[in-house]
Amino acid sequence: DLGVAGTTVYGSINITSGGVFTVDANTKNQTLIIGGDLTLSQQSQTQLTSGQNVIVSGCVTFGGNLTVQIDSSGPNNNITLFQYECYNQSIFSAVEIQNLGTESGCYDGNAYYGEKNMGILISQNPCSSSEKKDHKPLIIGVVVGVGG
């Protein structure tokens, strides 16, 4: 984990190829403040939990893959993940939503990139049978007993 939510990191952070930028998943509804720039390379991984927010006092460069863990978020839920002072028009290569909640369901995340913030719009979609969370196998058959 890089940094603990609720604290400030002074200076800039550069996550290079193969690196992982994540905030402790046990700290929900917390903010990590970065006092400089944040650069996420194209080969990096970024992992956040809904309710966490990263504030960057400088410029942000997005790259690599973003994974957001949610607790059965409702459909069309808008989550702001990053706030920043300047943005240089970069984007994450891929966005994945992981449902950690107790409700079954599959979710898609559409990333949006604004002048001062970045987030995702989460929508629930029908799951294929192989995607359903905690799906139970279906057993079809007849029990025949022979008495004697």
Protein backbone atom coordinates (compact mmCIF):
# COMPACT_ATOMS: atom_id res chain seq x y z
CA ASP A 1 0.00 0.00 0.00
CA LEU A 2 1.23 3.45 -0.80
CA GLY A 3 0.33 5.83 1.98
CA VAL A 4 -2.36 5.56 4.60
CA ALA A 5 -5.68 7.25 3.95
CA GLY A 6 -6.28 10.31 6.08
CA THR A 7 -2.67 11.45 5.75
CA THR A 8 -0.70 13.77 3.51
CA VAL A 9 2.20 12.70 1.31
CA TYR A 10 4.50 15.67 0.71
CA GLY A 11 6.15 15.78 -2.69
CA SER A 12 5.39 14.00 -5.93
CA ILE A 13 4.69 10.30 -6.53
CA ASN A 14 5.73 8.43 -9.66
CA ILE A 15 4.46 4.84 -10.02
CA THR A 16 6.67 3.20 -12.64
CA SER A 17 6.26 0.11 -14.78
CA GLY A 18 4.90 -2.82 -12.78
CA GLY A 19 4.22 -0.68 -9.72
CA VAL A 20 0.97 -0.63 -7.75
CA PHE A 21 -0.76 2.46 -6.34
CA THR A 22 -3.29 1.48 -3.68
CA VAL A 23 -4.82 2.93 -0.56
CA ASP A 24 -5.41 0.60 2.40
CA ALA A 25 -8.74 -1.11 1.66
CA ASN A 26 -9.70 -1.02 5.36
CA THR A 27 -9.87 2.77 5.35
CA LYS A 28 -13.21 3.59 3.74
CA ASN A 29 -14.47 7.14 3.38
CA GLN A 30 -10.96 8.51 3.77
CA THR A 31 -8.84 10.91 1.78
CA LEU A 32 -5.18 10.64 0.77
CA ILE A 33 -3.62 14.02 0.01
CA ILE A 34 -0.58 14.19 -2.27
CA GLY A 35 1.27 17.49 -1.99
CA GLY A 36 2.80 17.33 -5.46
CA ASP A 37 2.22 15.53 -8.75
CA LEU A 38 0.93 11.98 -9.25
CA THR A 39 2.17 9.99 -12.25
CA LEU A 40 0.81 6.48 -12.94
CA SER A 41 2.71 4.78 -15.79
CA GLN A 42 1.00 2.77 -18.55
CA GLN A 43 2.21 -0.49 -16.96
CA SER A 44 1.05 0.34 -13.41
CA GLN A 45 -1.95 -0.89 -11.40
CA THR A 46 -4.20 1.43 -9.38
CA GLN A 47 -6.55 -0.07 -6.77
CA LEU A 48 -9.10 1.94 -4.79
CA THR A 49 -12.22 1.19 -2.76
CA SER A 50 -15.39 3.25 -3.21
CA GLY A 51 -15.47 5.99 -0.60
CA GLN A 52 -11.75 6.66 -0.89
CA ASN A 53 -10.62 9.90 -2.45
CA VAL A 54 -7.18 11.01 -3.62
CA ILE A 55 -6.50 14.76 -3.70
CA VAL A 56 -3.48 15.81 -5.77
CA SER A 57 -2.18 19.34 -5.19
CA GLY A 58 -0.28 19.28 -8.46
CA CYS A 59 -0.74 17.60 -11.83
CA VAL A 60 -1.99 14.08 -12.46
CA THR A 61 -1.03 11.65 -15.21
CA PHE A 62 -3.22 8.54 -15.46
CA GLY A 63 -2.07 5.28 -17.01
CA GLY A 64 -2.28 1.54 -16.59
CA ASN A 65 -5.26 -0.29 -15.14
CA LEU A 66 -7.71 0.96 -12.51
CA THR A 67 -9.58 -1.46 -10.22
CA VAL A 68 -12.36 -0.09 -8.00
CA GLN A 69 -13.84 -2.26 -5.27
CA ILE A 70 -17.46 -1.52 -4.38
CA ASP A 71 -19.97 -2.81 -1.81
CA SER A 72 -22.95 -3.64 -4.05
CA SER A 73 -23.29 -0.10 -5.27
CA GLY A 74 -26.66 0.87 -6.65
CA PRO A 75 -27.09 1.39 -10.38
CA ASN A 76 -25.91 4.67 -11.87
CA ASN A 77 -23.79 5.51 -8.85
CA ASN A 78 -21.28 8.29 -9.50
CA ILE A 79 -18.02 7.95 -7.53
CA THR A 80 -15.32 10.64 -7.56
CA LEU A 81 -11.91 9.05 -7.02
CA PHE A 82 -9.35 11.77 -7.81
CA GLN A 83 -9.35 15.55 -7.41
CA TYR A 84 -6.44 17.55 -8.84
CA GLU A 85 -5.21 21.00 -9.80
CA CYS A 86 -4.10 20.14 -13.32
CA TYR A 87 -4.74 17.31 -15.73
CA ASN A 88 -2.71 16.48 -18.82
CA GLN A 89 -5.38 14.61 -20.81
CA SER A 90 -4.22 11.07 -19.97
CA ILE A 91 -6.55 8.14 -19.21
CA PHE A 92 -6.46 4.68 -17.63
CA SER A 93 -6.05 1.84 -20.14
CA ALA A 94 -8.79 -0.24 -18.48
CA VAL A 95 -11.29 0.11 -15.62
CA GLU A 96 -12.52 -2.92 -13.65
CA ILE A 97 -15.24 -2.96 -11.01
CA GLN A 98 -15.05 -5.62 -8.28
CA ASN A 99 -18.23 -6.21 -6.27
CA LEU A 100 -17.32 -6.96 -2.64
CA GLY A 101 -20.87 -6.72 -1.33
CA THR A 102 -23.33 -9.39 -0.38
CA GLU A 103 -25.71 -8.72 -3.28
CA SER A 104 -25.23 -10.67 -6.47
CA GLY A 105 -24.68 -8.61 -9.54
CA CYS A 106 -22.27 -7.50 -12.20
CA TYR A 107 -21.22 -3.89 -12.59
CA ASP A 108 -19.61 -1.79 -15.29
CA GLY A 109 -17.65 1.37 -14.69
CA ASN A 110 -17.45 4.18 -17.19
CA ALA A 111 -14.59 6.51 -16.34
CA TYR A 112 -14.94 10.25 -16.73
CA TYR A 113 -12.09 12.74 -16.74
CA GLY A 114 -12.81 16.36 -15.89
CA GLU A 115 -10.69 19.45 -15.62
CA LYS A 116 -10.45 19.09 -11.82
CA ASN A 117 -11.63 15.53 -11.01
CA MET A 118 -11.81 11.95 -12.24
CA GLY A 119 -14.35 9.32 -11.31
CA ILE A 120 -16.53 6.51 -12.52
CA LEU A 121 -20.20 6.08 -13.22
CA ILE A 122 -21.17 2.60 -12.05
CA SER A 123 -24.06 0.77 -13.65
CA GLN A 124 -25.43 -2.68 -12.89
CA ASN A 125 -25.88 -5.04 -15.82
CA PRO A 126 -27.20 -8.55 -16.35
CA CYS A 127 -24.60 -11.20 -15.63
CA SER A 128 -23.86 -14.20 -17.72
CA SER A 129 -24.01 -17.42 -15.70
CA SER A 130 -20.21 -17.54 -15.48
CA GLU A 131 -20.02 -13.97 -14.11
CA LYS A 132 -22.59 -14.14 -11.33
CA LYS A 133 -21.12 -13.68 -7.91
CA ASP A 134 -21.64 -16.59 -5.54
CA HIS A 135 -23.81 -18.41 -8.03
CA LYS A 136 -25.06 -21.82 -6.89
CA PRO A 137 -25.00 -24.84 -9.18
CA LEU A 138 -28.37 -25.99 -10.40
CA ILE A 139 -29.08 -29.66 -9.80
CA ILE A 140 -31.78 -31.26 -11.86
CA GLY A 141 -32.78 -34.85 -11.24
CA VAL A 142 -35.18 -37.29 -9.73
CA VAL A 143 -34.56 -39.35 -6.64
CA VAL A 144 -35.94 -42.84 -6.98
CA GLY A 145 -36.21 -45.05 -3.96
CA VAL A 146 -36.83 -48.75 -3.97
CA GLY A 147 -38.55 -50.05 -0.89
CA GLY A 148 -38.59 -53.58 0.15
